[in-house]
N, C-alpha and C. Protein backbone atom coordinates (compact mmCIF):
# COMPACT_ATOMS: atom_id res chain seq x y z
N MET A 1 -205.83 9.00 69.81
CA MET A 1 -207.31 8.59 69.85
C MET A 1 -207.56 7.97 68.47
N LEU A 2 -208.38 6.87 68.56
CA LEU A 2 -208.74 6.11 67.36
C LEU A 2 -210.00 6.82 66.71
N ASP A 3 -209.78 7.05 65.30
CA ASP A 3 -210.96 7.63 64.77
C ASP A 3 -211.65 6.40 64.07
N ILE A 4 -212.69 6.78 63.36
CA ILE A 4 -213.68 5.77 62.76
C ILE A 4 -212.90 5.06 61.66
N VAL A 5 -211.95 5.69 60.95
CA VAL A 5 -211.31 4.99 59.72
C VAL A 5 -210.27 4.05 60.27
N ASP A 6 -209.65 4.27 61.38
CA ASP A 6 -208.71 3.34 62.04
C ASP A 6 -209.52 2.08 62.49
N VAL A 7 -210.69 2.39 63.14
CA VAL A 7 -211.42 1.19 63.76
C VAL A 7 -212.07 0.34 62.65
N GLN A 8 -212.45 0.94 61.45
CA GLN A 8 -212.88 0.30 60.31
C GLN A 8 -211.70 -0.57 59.68
N ARG A 9 -210.63 0.01 59.55
CA ARG A 9 -209.36 -0.63 59.11
C ARG A 9 -209.03 -1.95 60.02
N GLU A 10 -209.12 -1.78 61.28
CA GLU A 10 -208.73 -2.80 62.13
C GLU A 10 -209.83 -3.84 62.17
N ASN A 11 -211.13 -3.47 61.94
CA ASN A 11 -212.24 -4.40 61.77
C ASN A 11 -212.08 -5.25 60.53
N ALA A 12 -211.64 -4.69 59.47
CA ALA A 12 -211.46 -5.30 58.12
C ALA A 12 -210.25 -6.36 58.29
N ALA A 13 -209.19 -5.93 58.97
CA ALA A 13 -208.13 -6.78 59.13
C ALA A 13 -208.47 -8.05 60.07
N LEU A 14 -209.16 -7.85 61.01
CA LEU A 14 -209.62 -8.91 61.97
C LEU A 14 -210.67 -9.76 61.09
N ARG A 15 -211.47 -9.17 60.38
CA ARG A 15 -212.40 -10.09 59.63
C ARG A 15 -211.60 -11.04 58.45
N ALA A 16 -210.57 -10.43 57.98
CA ALA A 16 -209.68 -11.18 57.00
C ALA A 16 -209.00 -12.24 57.76
N GLU A 17 -208.46 -11.91 58.97
CA GLU A 17 -207.77 -12.94 59.74
C GLU A 17 -208.78 -14.11 60.18
N LEU A 18 -210.05 -13.77 60.58
CA LEU A 18 -210.99 -14.77 60.85
C LEU A 18 -211.40 -15.62 59.62
N THR A 19 -211.54 -15.06 58.64
CA THR A 19 -211.83 -15.85 57.29
C THR A 19 -210.68 -16.80 56.98
N ALA A 20 -209.40 -16.37 57.20
CA ALA A 20 -208.25 -17.18 56.85
C ALA A 20 -208.25 -18.35 57.98
N THR A 21 -208.46 -18.12 59.21
CA THR A 21 -208.45 -19.04 60.26
C THR A 21 -209.64 -20.16 60.06
N GLN A 22 -210.79 -19.57 59.54
CA GLN A 22 -211.91 -20.41 59.23
C GLN A 22 -211.72 -21.50 58.16
N ALA A 23 -210.83 -20.93 57.20
CA ALA A 23 -210.53 -21.83 55.96
C ALA A 23 -209.56 -22.89 56.49
N VAL A 24 -208.57 -22.51 57.38
CA VAL A 24 -207.63 -23.47 57.80
C VAL A 24 -208.41 -24.45 58.69
N LEU A 25 -209.35 -24.05 59.47
CA LEU A 25 -210.11 -25.05 60.23
C LEU A 25 -210.96 -25.99 59.33
N ALA A 26 -211.52 -25.47 58.32
CA ALA A 26 -212.38 -26.36 57.39
C ALA A 26 -211.40 -27.28 56.75
N GLU A 27 -210.17 -26.94 56.37
CA GLU A 27 -209.14 -27.81 55.75
C GLU A 27 -208.82 -29.06 56.75
N LYS A 28 -208.57 -28.54 57.98
CA LYS A 28 -208.23 -29.56 59.01
C LYS A 28 -209.37 -30.49 59.32
N ASP A 29 -210.54 -30.00 59.41
CA ASP A 29 -211.83 -30.81 59.49
C ASP A 29 -211.98 -31.84 58.44
N ALA A 30 -211.91 -31.37 57.10
CA ALA A 30 -211.91 -32.17 56.12
C ALA A 30 -210.80 -33.32 56.20
N GLN A 31 -209.60 -33.02 56.40
CA GLN A 31 -208.62 -34.01 56.54
C GLN A 31 -208.92 -35.02 57.70
N LEU A 32 -209.41 -34.54 58.74
CA LEU A 32 -209.70 -35.55 59.86
C LEU A 32 -210.91 -36.42 59.47
N GLN A 33 -211.77 -35.99 58.67
CA GLN A 33 -212.90 -36.69 58.15
C GLN A 33 -212.50 -37.75 57.13
N ARG A 34 -211.52 -37.34 56.41
CA ARG A 34 -210.88 -38.34 55.44
C ARG A 34 -210.28 -39.52 56.25
N ILE A 35 -209.52 -39.16 57.22
CA ILE A 35 -208.82 -40.13 58.11
C ILE A 35 -209.86 -41.13 58.67
N LEU A 36 -210.85 -40.42 59.34
CA LEU A 36 -211.72 -41.23 60.05
C LEU A 36 -212.81 -42.21 59.25
N ASN A 37 -212.77 -41.82 58.02
CA ASN A 37 -213.68 -42.59 57.07
C ASN A 37 -212.83 -43.70 56.24
N THR A 38 -211.56 -43.93 56.68
CA THR A 38 -210.82 -44.86 56.02
C THR A 38 -211.02 -46.25 56.61
N LEU A 39 -210.86 -47.36 55.77
CA LEU A 39 -210.94 -48.61 56.21
C LEU A 39 -210.18 -48.88 57.44
N GLY A 40 -208.91 -48.58 57.35
CA GLY A 40 -207.92 -48.91 58.41
C GLY A 40 -208.32 -48.26 59.78
N TRP A 41 -208.84 -47.04 59.79
CA TRP A 41 -209.48 -46.38 60.97
C TRP A 41 -210.57 -47.26 61.52
N ARG A 42 -211.50 -47.57 60.73
CA ARG A 42 -212.56 -48.37 61.10
C ARG A 42 -212.28 -49.64 61.67
N LEU A 43 -211.23 -50.49 61.10
CA LEU A 43 -210.82 -51.60 61.63
C LEU A 43 -210.13 -51.45 62.94
N LEU A 44 -209.26 -50.47 63.07
CA LEU A 44 -208.57 -50.25 64.31
C LEU A 44 -209.49 -49.92 65.41
N SER A 45 -210.54 -49.02 65.13
CA SER A 45 -211.46 -48.58 66.05
C SER A 45 -212.28 -49.81 66.52
N THR A 46 -212.78 -50.79 65.65
CA THR A 46 -213.49 -51.85 66.03
C THR A 46 -212.49 -52.84 66.96
N TYR A 47 -211.31 -52.99 66.56
CA TYR A 47 -210.50 -53.92 67.24
C TYR A 47 -210.30 -53.25 68.80
N GLY A 48 -210.09 -51.95 68.81
CA GLY A 48 -209.95 -51.35 70.13
C GLY A 48 -211.13 -51.67 70.97
N ARG A 49 -212.36 -51.41 70.49
CA ARG A 49 -213.60 -51.68 71.27
C ARG A 49 -213.72 -53.14 71.67
N PHE A 50 -213.20 -54.02 70.87
CA PHE A 50 -213.25 -55.55 71.15
C PHE A 50 -212.30 -55.84 72.21
N LYS A 51 -211.07 -55.25 72.05
CA LYS A 51 -209.92 -55.49 72.93
C LYS A 51 -210.25 -55.04 74.37
N TYR A 52 -210.61 -53.83 74.50
CA TYR A 52 -210.86 -53.38 75.69
C TYR A 52 -212.17 -53.62 76.32
N GLY A 53 -213.21 -54.05 75.44
CA GLY A 53 -214.63 -54.36 75.99
C GLY A 53 -214.72 -55.84 76.31
N VAL A 54 -213.93 -56.66 75.57
CA VAL A 54 -214.17 -58.09 75.70
C VAL A 54 -212.91 -58.88 75.95
N LEU A 55 -211.80 -58.65 75.12
CA LEU A 55 -210.68 -59.48 75.33
C LEU A 55 -209.98 -59.33 76.58
N LEU A 56 -209.52 -58.11 76.96
CA LEU A 56 -208.76 -57.85 78.21
C LEU A 56 -209.63 -58.19 79.41
N PRO A 57 -210.92 -57.88 79.62
CA PRO A 57 -211.60 -58.28 80.75
C PRO A 57 -211.73 -59.82 80.76
N ALA A 58 -211.91 -60.52 79.66
CA ALA A 58 -211.98 -62.01 79.65
C ALA A 58 -210.60 -62.55 80.15
N LEU A 59 -209.51 -62.04 79.75
CA LEU A 59 -208.20 -62.58 80.07
C LEU A 59 -207.90 -62.16 81.47
N GLY A 60 -208.47 -61.06 81.99
CA GLY A 60 -208.26 -60.73 83.40
C GLY A 60 -209.13 -61.65 84.37
N PHE A 61 -210.22 -61.99 83.83
CA PHE A 61 -211.12 -62.96 84.59
C PHE A 61 -210.47 -64.35 84.67
N LEU A 62 -209.83 -64.71 83.56
CA LEU A 62 -209.25 -66.14 83.49
C LEU A 62 -207.71 -66.03 84.18
N ASN A 63 -207.43 -64.75 84.65
CA ASN A 63 -206.13 -64.56 85.34
C ASN A 63 -204.94 -64.91 84.42
N VAL A 64 -205.14 -64.72 83.07
CA VAL A 64 -204.06 -64.87 82.13
C VAL A 64 -203.37 -63.64 82.00
N TYR A 65 -203.97 -62.50 82.12
CA TYR A 65 -203.55 -61.22 81.89
C TYR A 65 -204.01 -60.39 83.07
N PRO A 66 -203.13 -59.74 83.81
CA PRO A 66 -203.40 -58.92 84.94
C PRO A 66 -204.30 -57.83 84.54
N HIS A 67 -205.33 -57.59 85.21
CA HIS A 67 -206.42 -56.57 84.92
C HIS A 67 -205.85 -55.18 85.36
N GLN A 68 -204.98 -54.51 84.49
CA GLN A 68 -204.22 -53.29 84.99
C GLN A 68 -204.49 -52.40 83.87
N PHE A 69 -205.51 -51.97 83.44
CA PHE A 69 -205.66 -50.92 82.50
C PHE A 69 -206.82 -50.03 82.86
């Protein structure tokens, strides 16, 4: 049978694990934001919107590029 001390010990261990996991998540989020804020990412993102929104549909309309995306 678990007594109160064991439950408190388990609770403390789980809180420590949660804190460590939150720290890792914060680091990953910061890393992702650094990547998304780079000039290269912004240029590729703009190019992708242009390519799939304008270029490929226009080429498909002109029958230069088969419309298969």
